[in-house]
Amino acid sequence: MTAAGSTLPPGAVLVHIGPHKTGSTAIQVALDSAADRLATHDVAYVTVGSYRPRKAGWALGIRGRPAGTERPPMKHWKRLVGEVAASRAARVCVSNEDFGRATPRQAARIVEDLGGDRVHVVAVARRLDRYLPSQWQERVKAGDARGYDEWLRLVLDTDDPEPDWDRHNVWFSHDVRALAERWVEVVGPDRFTMIVLDEADRGQLPRTFERMLGLPEGLVVPDNSRSNRGLSWAETELVRTTSAILAEAGWERPRRRRAISPTVLRDMAGRPAPAGPKSPPVPDWAVARLRALSDQRVADLALLAERGVHLVGDPELMRMPADVPVAPTGAAAPAALPPLEIEVAARALASVLVASAARDLPPAEEGEGEAE
């Protein structure tokens, strides 16, 4: 029996399934940067290369590829499987945050193809009041013109029987109990680990992966030069408002994404974050609902632990703090939008003008986009 966060047995394949917005990119970049050092300790990180693991998942039919793009051929999945099978390292690591969206049948296929009984699965749970604004930002980057309040009302209306992609996208992979149960059904509780993310400890994920892969502490280090920083709240509102204006002009969401992603977003990502808050405050109407959902997650994590799932971290970290910023809403509430530096707006405009002057707008990079 393997204790939570302890070294996996020789021959193990560690499959990291995200889900999205839980530090996946940071740990992937850290593992990629350390790939050669990992090899000296008999560990193989096989998901090296931009978007290769995501294409492998999309080839299986896992949701997440940008709208309007073709499903990749199965050669991408077969290549990933072949690399895992061919590795002679004592331990292998695969990371793809899209795996958190896998259906039960897809999860079974992933485990079977990547090693069967050798596979150990690790996922990360993040506090809702930190995750939800981050997910809204991703939707804005993909061309969504809705404000946080409007988007959050839809996502939190879990009693609405009508299917909605954004609501499904949030809860299918971020309902910690349901996510764990889908994978435990395949690998059993002893081969499933849930990391309870500590927002105040940036070293938690690297240290946990080091322990599970049998690596010395300090080998897996975050690489800020290669990490794609999130937008500030002001930057997100700039992108969202631009998208809304383009929508009024008749631009469909895929066209807005293709125009904004390779110009404005690429330019912002390459610059230091401006001053100001990173995320919008919690709307006052949502506080009680988020507290109730957060409390339920604490109970769900405790239940999973009772069933034998390995927990790394304190489930209490899932509770929303008492001092979380809250914004009043309603007709009498002032419009609380963050101030935007002139230079940020000017550089966004300049990036579009430069791209337009050089040639037609380039295609958007592959990313989360609007999932199919």
Protein backbone atom coordinates (compact mmCIF):
# COMPACT_ATOMS: atom_id res chain seq x y z
CA MET A 1 0.00 0.00 0.00
CA THR A 2 1.36 3.43 -1.02
CA ALA A 3 1.04 6.33 1.44
CA ALA A 4 -0.16 9.71 0.21
CA GLY A 5 2.58 11.49 -1.69
CA SER A 6 5.15 8.73 -1.12
CA THR A 7 7.39 7.31 -3.83
CA LEU A 8 5.63 5.12 -6.37
CA PRO A 9 6.95 1.60 -6.95
CA PRO A 10 9.42 0.91 -9.77
CA GLY A 11 7.65 0.51 -13.09
CA ALA A 12 4.89 2.97 -12.19
CA VAL A 13 3.36 5.40 -14.68
CA LEU A 14 2.16 8.59 -13.00
CA VAL A 15 -0.71 10.14 -14.97
CA HIS A 16 -1.49 13.73 -13.99
CA ILE A 17 -5.04 14.66 -15.07
CA GLY A 18 -5.18 18.32 -13.98
CA PRO A 19 -7.89 19.49 -14.10
CA HIS A 20 -7.64 22.91 -15.74
CA LYS A 21 -6.56 26.00 -13.78
CA THR A 22 -5.01 24.05 -10.91
CA GLY A 23 -1.34 24.74 -11.66
CA SER A 24 -1.07 22.23 -14.52
CA THR A 25 0.94 24.45 -16.86
CA ALA A 26 3.39 25.39 -14.12
CA ILE A 27 4.15 21.78 -13.19
CA GLN A 28 4.35 20.75 -16.87
CA VAL A 29 6.86 23.51 -17.60
CA ALA A 30 8.87 22.59 -14.50
CA LEU A 31 8.97 18.91 -15.50
CA ASP A 32 9.82 19.77 -19.10
CA SER A 33 12.65 22.08 -18.01
CA ALA A 34 14.03 19.35 -15.74
CA ALA A 35 13.59 16.47 -18.22
CA ASP A 36 17.33 15.82 -18.62
CA ARG A 37 17.90 15.94 -14.86
CA LEU A 38 14.94 13.60 -14.35
CA ALA A 39 16.54 11.08 -16.70
CA THR A 40 19.66 10.89 -14.52
CA HIS A 41 17.37 9.70 -11.70
CA ASP A 42 15.68 7.07 -13.91
CA VAL A 43 12.50 9.09 -14.44
CA ALA A 44 11.01 9.86 -17.88
CA TYR A 45 8.71 12.78 -18.58
CA VAL A 46 7.25 11.82 -21.94
CA THR A 47 4.89 14.73 -22.58
CA VAL A 48 7.61 17.10 -23.75
CA GLY A 49 6.61 19.42 -26.61
CA SER A 50 3.99 22.11 -27.09
CA TYR A 51 0.44 20.73 -27.28
CA ARG A 52 1.50 17.19 -28.13
CA PRO A 53 -0.20 15.58 -25.10
CA ARG A 54 -3.33 17.65 -25.63
CA LYS A 55 -3.58 16.52 -29.25
CA ALA A 56 -3.24 12.94 -28.02
CA GLY A 57 -6.21 13.44 -25.71
CA TRP A 58 -8.27 15.20 -28.36
CA ALA A 59 -7.59 12.28 -30.69
CA LEU A 60 -9.40 10.07 -28.14
CA GLY A 61 -12.38 12.43 -28.30
CA ILE A 62 -11.72 14.17 -24.97
CA ARG A 63 -13.28 17.63 -25.03
CA GLY A 64 -11.15 20.75 -24.96
CA ARG A 65 -9.95 21.43 -28.49
CA PRO A 66 -10.68 24.88 -29.90
CA ALA A 67 -14.00 25.32 -31.69
CA GLY A 68 -13.80 24.93 -35.43
CA THR A 69 -10.74 22.66 -35.35
CA GLU A 70 -10.66 19.11 -36.63
CA ARG A 71 -10.28 16.17 -34.27
CA PRO A 72 -6.61 15.11 -34.51
CA PRO A 73 -5.85 11.70 -36.00
CA MET A 74 -5.22 8.75 -33.69
CA LYS A 75 -1.53 8.76 -34.56
CA HIS A 76 -1.06 11.40 -31.85
CA TRP A 77 -2.45 9.10 -29.19
CA LYS A 78 -0.57 6.07 -30.50
CA ARG A 79 2.68 8.04 -30.47
CA LEU A 80 2.20 9.00 -26.82
CA VAL A 81 1.31 5.42 -25.87
CA GLY A 82 4.34 4.15 -27.79
CA GLU A 83 6.72 6.48 -25.97
CA VAL A 84 5.40 5.38 -22.57
CA ALA A 85 5.66 1.71 -23.51
CA ALA A 86 9.16 2.13 -24.93
CA SER A 87 10.55 3.89 -21.86
CA ARG A 88 12.92 1.82 -19.73
CA ALA A 89 12.92 4.35 -16.90
CA ALA A 90 11.98 3.18 -13.42
CA ARG A 91 9.11 5.69 -13.34
CA VAL A 92 7.28 7.54 -16.13
CA CYS A 93 5.20 10.69 -15.87
CA VAL A 94 2.46 11.85 -18.25
CA SER A 95 0.60 15.15 -17.77
CA ASN A 96 -2.49 16.36 -19.58
CA GLU A 97 -5.08 18.56 -17.87
CA ASP A 98 -7.66 17.59 -20.49
CA PHE A 99 -7.69 14.10 -18.95
CA GLY A 100 -9.74 15.63 -16.16
CA ARG A 101 -12.55 15.90 -18.72
CA ALA A 102 -12.39 12.22 -19.65
CA THR A 103 -15.59 10.21 -19.50
CA PRO A 104 -15.53 6.88 -17.63
CA ARG A 105 -14.97 5.01 -20.89
CA GLN A 106 -12.16 7.38 -21.94
CA ALA A 107 -10.55 7.11 -18.49
CA ALA A 108 -10.54 3.32 -18.79
CA ARG A 109 -8.92 3.58 -22.25
CA ILE A 110 -6.24 5.96 -20.97
CA VAL A 111 -5.32 3.67 -18.09
CA GLU A 112 -5.35 0.50 -20.20
CA ASP A 113 -3.21 2.00 -22.98
CA LEU A 114 -0.71 3.72 -20.69
CA GLY A 115 0.11 0.70 -18.58
CA GLY A 116 -2.92 -0.81 -16.85
CA ASP A 117 -1.93 -1.85 -13.33
CA ARG A 118 1.22 0.29 -13.58
CA VAL A 119 -0.82 3.51 -13.75
CA HIS A 120 -1.20 5.79 -10.74
CA VAL A 121 -3.40 8.89 -11.15
CA VAL A 122 -2.91 12.27 -9.53
CA ALA A 123 -5.34 15.22 -9.59
CA VAL A 124 -5.44 18.65 -7.93
CA ALA A 125 -8.32 20.38 -6.13
CA ARG A 126 -8.32 24.19 -6.00
CA ARG A 127 -10.38 26.59 -3.88
CA LEU A 128 -13.49 27.67 -5.78
CA ASP A 129 -13.15 31.41 -5.17
CA ARG A 130 -9.69 31.21 -6.80
CA TYR A 131 -10.54 28.74 -9.54
CA LEU A 132 -13.76 30.29 -10.86
CA PRO A 133 -12.35 33.76 -11.74
CA SER A 134 -9.42 32.03 -13.44
CA GLN A 135 -11.76 29.88 -15.51
CA TRP A 136 -13.85 32.94 -16.45
CA GLN A 137 -10.66 34.60 -17.67
CA GLU A 138 -9.97 31.62 -19.94
CA ARG A 139 -13.45 31.93 -21.43
CA VAL A 140 -12.86 35.65 -22.07
CA LYS A 141 -9.54 34.82 -23.75
CA ALA A 142 -11.50 32.40 -25.95
CA GLY A 143 -13.84 35.18 -27.10
CA ASP A 144 -16.60 35.13 -24.47
CA ALA A 145 -17.97 38.65 -23.93
CA ARG A 146 -19.88 37.98 -20.69
CA GLY A 147 -18.87 39.70 -17.48
CA TYR A 148 -17.92 37.70 -14.41
CA ASP A 149 -21.26 38.26 -12.68
CA GLU A 150 -23.27 37.00 -15.65
CA TRP A 151 -20.99 34.02 -16.25
CA LEU A 152 -20.94 33.09 -12.56
CA ARG A 153 -24.74 33.15 -12.29
CA LEU A 154 -24.96 30.62 -15.08
CA VAL A 155 -22.23 28.37 -13.65
CA LEU A 156 -23.66 28.34 -10.12
CA ASP A 157 -27.22 27.65 -11.27
CA THR A 158 -26.77 23.92 -10.90
CA ASP A 159 -30.54 23.45 -10.54
CA ASP A 160 -31.11 24.53 -14.15
CA PRO A 161 -31.95 21.34 -16.09
CA GLU A 162 -31.00 22.86 -19.45
CA PRO A 163 -27.56 21.73 -20.64
CA ASP A 164 -24.92 24.46 -20.81
CA TRP A 165 -21.29 24.04 -21.85
CA ASP A 166 -19.79 26.44 -19.32
CA ARG A 167 -21.64 24.87 -16.41
CA HIS A 168 -20.69 21.37 -17.55
CA ASN A 169 -17.09 22.44 -18.20
CA VAL A 170 -16.73 23.70 -14.63
CA TRP A 171 -18.40 20.95 -12.66
CA PHE A 172 -17.58 17.84 -14.69
CA SER A 173 -13.89 18.16 -13.86
CA HIS A 174 -14.03 20.27 -10.67
CA ASP A 175 -16.57 18.27 -8.69
CA VAL A 176 -13.79 16.64 -6.68
CA ARG A 177 -15.84 13.68 -5.54
CA ALA A 178 -17.23 12.86 -8.98
CA LEU A 179 -13.82 13.31 -10.61
CA ALA A 180 -12.14 10.99 -8.13
CA GLU A 181 -14.90 8.38 -8.35
CA ARG A 182 -14.65 8.20 -12.16
CA TRP A 183 -10.95 7.36 -11.96
CA VAL A 184 -11.09 5.25 -8.79
CA GLU A 185 -13.56 3.03 -10.61
CA VAL A 186 -10.69 2.26 -12.99
CA VAL A 187 -7.53 2.27 -10.84
CA GLY A 188 -8.90 1.75 -7.32
CA PRO A 189 -8.41 4.14 -4.39
CA ASP A 190 -4.86 3.01 -3.63
CA ARG A 191 -3.63 4.30 -7.00
CA PHE A 192 -5.40 7.65 -6.92
CA THR A 193 -3.99 10.75 -5.22
CA MET A 194 -5.77 14.08 -4.74
CA ILE A 195 -3.58 17.10 -3.96
CA VAL A 196 -5.42 19.80 -2.03
CA LEU A 197 -3.80 22.93 -3.45
CA ASP A 198 -2.25 25.33 -0.96
CA GLU A 199 -2.43 28.75 -2.62
CA ALA A 200 0.23 30.09 -0.23
CA ASP A 201 2.79 27.36 -1.02
CA ARG A 202 4.10 27.50 -4.59
CA GLY A 203 6.44 24.63 -3.88
CA GLN A 204 3.69 22.19 -2.91
CA LEU A 205 3.12 20.72 -6.39
CA PRO A 206 6.80 20.35 -7.34
CA ARG A 207 7.62 18.72 -3.98
CA THR A 208 4.71 16.29 -4.28
CA PHE A 209 5.70 15.24 -7.79
CA GLU A 210 9.31 14.85 -6.66
CA ARG A 211 8.26 12.53 -3.83
CA MET A 212 5.95 10.45 -6.00
CA LEU A 213 8.58 10.08 -8.73
CA GLY A 214 11.41 9.31 -6.29
CA LEU A 215 13.34 12.49 -7.11
CA PRO A 216 15.55 14.52 -4.79
CA GLU A 217 13.93 17.65 -3.41
CA GLY A 218 14.67 20.79 -5.43
CA LEU A 219 15.04 19.05 -8.80
CA VAL A 220 11.66 20.19 -10.17
CA VAL A 221 11.67 23.98 -10.06
CA PRO A 222 9.06 26.39 -11.50
CA ASP A 223 10.36 28.17 -14.60
CA ASN A 224 8.75 31.61 -14.67
CA SER A 225 10.45 32.48 -17.96
CA ARG A 226 8.39 29.81 -19.73
CA SER A 227 5.17 30.06 -17.75
CA ASN A 228 2.24 31.84 -19.36
CA ARG A 229 1.10 34.34 -16.76
CA GLY A 230 -2.59 34.96 -16.21
CA LEU A 231 -4.12 38.30 -17.07
CA SER A 232 -4.92 40.90 -14.47
CA TRP A 233 -8.56 41.82 -13.90
CA ALA A 234 -8.05 45.07 -15.83
CA GLU A 235 -6.48 43.24 -18.78
CA THR A 236 -9.29 40.70 -18.79
CA GLU A 237 -11.88 43.49 -18.87
CA LEU A 238 -10.04 45.13 -21.76
CA VAL A 239 -10.14 41.90 -23.75
CA ARG A 240 -13.77 41.22 -22.79
CA THR A 241 -14.97 44.71 -23.73
CA THR A 242 -13.13 44.51 -27.05
CA SER A 243 -14.78 41.15 -27.71
CA ALA A 244 -18.21 42.59 -26.84
CA ILE A 245 -17.72 45.50 -29.28
CA LEU A 246 -16.65 43.09 -32.03
CA ALA A 247 -19.69 40.93 -31.26
CA GLU A 248 -21.93 43.99 -31.74
CA ALA A 249 -20.25 44.43 -35.12
CA GLY A 250 -21.29 40.92 -36.10
CA TRP A 251 -18.08 39.02 -35.41
CA GLU A 252 -18.67 35.42 -34.30
CA ARG A 253 -16.71 34.09 -31.33
CA PRO A 254 -14.19 32.01 -33.34
CA ARG A 255 -13.35 35.08 -35.43
CA ARG A 256 -12.92 37.21 -32.30
CA ARG A 257 -10.62 34.61 -30.80
CA ARG A 258 -8.51 34.41 -33.95
CA ALA A 259 -8.15 38.19 -33.97
CA ILE A 260 -7.35 38.68 -30.28
CA SER A 261 -5.36 35.61 -29.27
CA PRO A 262 -2.26 35.92 -31.48
CA THR A 263 -2.04 39.70 -31.09
CA VAL A 264 -3.34 41.24 -27.86
CA LEU A 265 -3.09 38.13 -25.68
CA ARG A 266 0.34 37.15 -26.96
CA ASP A 267 1.65 40.66 -26.32
CA MET A 268 0.20 40.78 -22.79
CA ALA A 269 1.58 37.36 -21.90
CA GLY A 270 5.08 38.50 -22.81
CA ARG A 271 5.03 41.50 -20.47
CA PRO A 272 5.03 41.82 -16.67
CA ALA A 273 1.58 41.92 -15.11
CA PRO A 274 0.37 45.47 -14.46
CA ALA A 275 -0.47 46.68 -10.98
CA GLY A 276 -3.93 45.97 -9.60
CA PRO A 277 -6.06 42.97 -8.63
CA LYS A 278 -5.70 39.73 -10.57
CA SER A 279 -9.33 38.67 -10.18
CA PRO A 280 -12.73 40.28 -9.66
CA PRO A 281 -14.21 40.14 -6.15
CA VAL A 282 -16.94 37.67 -5.27
CA PRO A 283 -20.40 39.15 -6.00
CA ASP A 284 -22.36 39.48 -2.77
CA TRP A 285 -25.19 37.30 -4.05
CA ALA A 286 -22.71 34.41 -4.62
CA VAL A 287 -21.01 34.39 -1.20
CA ALA A 288 -23.42 32.03 0.56
CA ARG A 289 -23.59 29.67 -2.42
CA LEU A 290 -19.80 29.46 -2.75
CA ARG A 291 -19.39 28.88 0.98
CA ALA A 292 -21.89 26.03 0.86
CA LEU A 293 -20.18 24.46 -2.16
CA SER A 294 -16.77 24.87 -0.54
CA ASP A 295 -17.96 23.24 2.69
CA GLN A 296 -19.35 20.34 0.66
CA ARG A 297 -15.97 19.86 -1.01
CA VAL A 298 -14.30 19.57 2.40
CA ALA A 299 -16.80 16.87 3.33
CA ASP A 300 -16.32 15.12 -0.03
CA LEU A 301 -12.55 15.04 0.39
CA ALA A 302 -12.93 13.56 3.87
CA LEU A 303 -15.23 10.89 2.45
CA LEU A 304 -12.74 10.06 -0.31
CA ALA A 305 -10.00 9.68 2.30
CA GLU A 306 -12.21 7.28 4.27
CA ARG A 307 -12.59 5.22 1.11
CA GLY A 308 -8.82 4.91 0.73
CA VAL A 309 -8.02 7.73 -1.71
CA HIS A 310 -4.69 9.38 -0.92
CA LEU A 311 -4.93 13.05 0.08
CA VAL A 312 -1.97 15.42 0.03
CA GLY A 313 -2.74 18.63 1.90
CA ASP A 314 -5.43 19.80 4.28
CA PRO A 315 -9.05 19.57 3.05
CA GLU A 316 -9.81 22.67 5.16
CA LEU A 317 -7.89 24.67 2.54
CA MET A 318 -10.95 24.33 0.30
CA ARG A 319 -13.02 26.63 2.53
CA MET A 320 -13.51 30.21 1.35
CA PRO A 321 -11.75 32.63 3.75
CA ALA A 322 -13.83 35.02 5.84
CA ASP A 323 -11.94 38.04 4.46
CA VAL A 324 -12.37 37.23 0.75
CA PRO A 325 -13.08 40.45 -1.25
CA VAL A 326 -16.81 40.90 -1.89
CA ALA A 327 -18.49 43.30 -4.32
CA PRO A 328 -22.03 44.68 -3.86
CA THR A 329 -24.42 44.10 -6.75
CA GLY A 330 -27.83 45.42 -7.72
CA ALA A 331 -29.22 48.61 -9.18
CA ALA A 332 -27.88 50.78 -6.34
CA ALA A 333 -24.38 49.32 -6.43
CA PRO A 334 -21.64 51.36 -8.14
CA ALA A 335 -19.98 49.92 -11.22
CA ALA A 336 -16.77 48.51 -9.73
CA LEU A 337 -14.32 47.99 -12.58
CA PRO A 338 -10.55 48.11 -12.12
CA PRO A 339 -8.59 51.10 -13.47
CA LEU A 340 -6.66 50.41 -16.66
CA GLU A 341 -3.24 51.88 -17.34
CA ILE A 342 -3.05 53.84 -20.59
CA GLU A 343 0.10 51.96 -21.62
CA VAL A 344 -1.64 48.59 -21.30
CA ALA A 345 -4.43 49.71 -23.64
CA ALA A 346 -1.99 51.38 -26.02
CA ARG A 347 0.19 48.30 -26.30
CA ALA A 348 -2.88 46.13 -26.95
CA LEU A 349 -3.92 48.43 -29.79
CA ALA A 350 -0.36 48.58 -31.13
CA SER A 351 -0.07 44.80 -31.24
CA VAL A 352 -3.14 44.61 -33.48
CA LEU A 353 -1.93 47.43 -35.73
CA VAL A 354 1.48 45.79 -36.16
CA ALA A 355 -0.07 42.42 -37.06
CA SER A 356 -2.52 44.04 -39.45
CA ALA A 357 0.18 46.07 -41.16
CA ALA A 358 2.43 43.06 -41.63
CA ARG A 359 -0.20 40.75 -43.11
CA ASP A 360 -3.63 39.34 -42.47
CA LEU A 361 -4.29 38.41 -38.84
CA PRO A 362 -2.44 35.15 -38.05
CA PRO A 363 -4.35 32.10 -36.86
CA ALA A 364 -4.80 31.63 -33.12
CA GLU A 365 -2.49 29.24 -31.32
CA GLU A 366 -3.97 26.00 -30.13
CA GLY A 367 -5.16 26.20 -26.57
CA GLU A 368 -8.25 25.69 -24.48
CA GLY A 369 -10.31 27.86 -26.82
CA GLU A 370 -14.00 27.12 -26.97
CA ALA A 371 -14.22 23.44 -26.32
CA GLU A 372 -16.06 21.20 -28.73
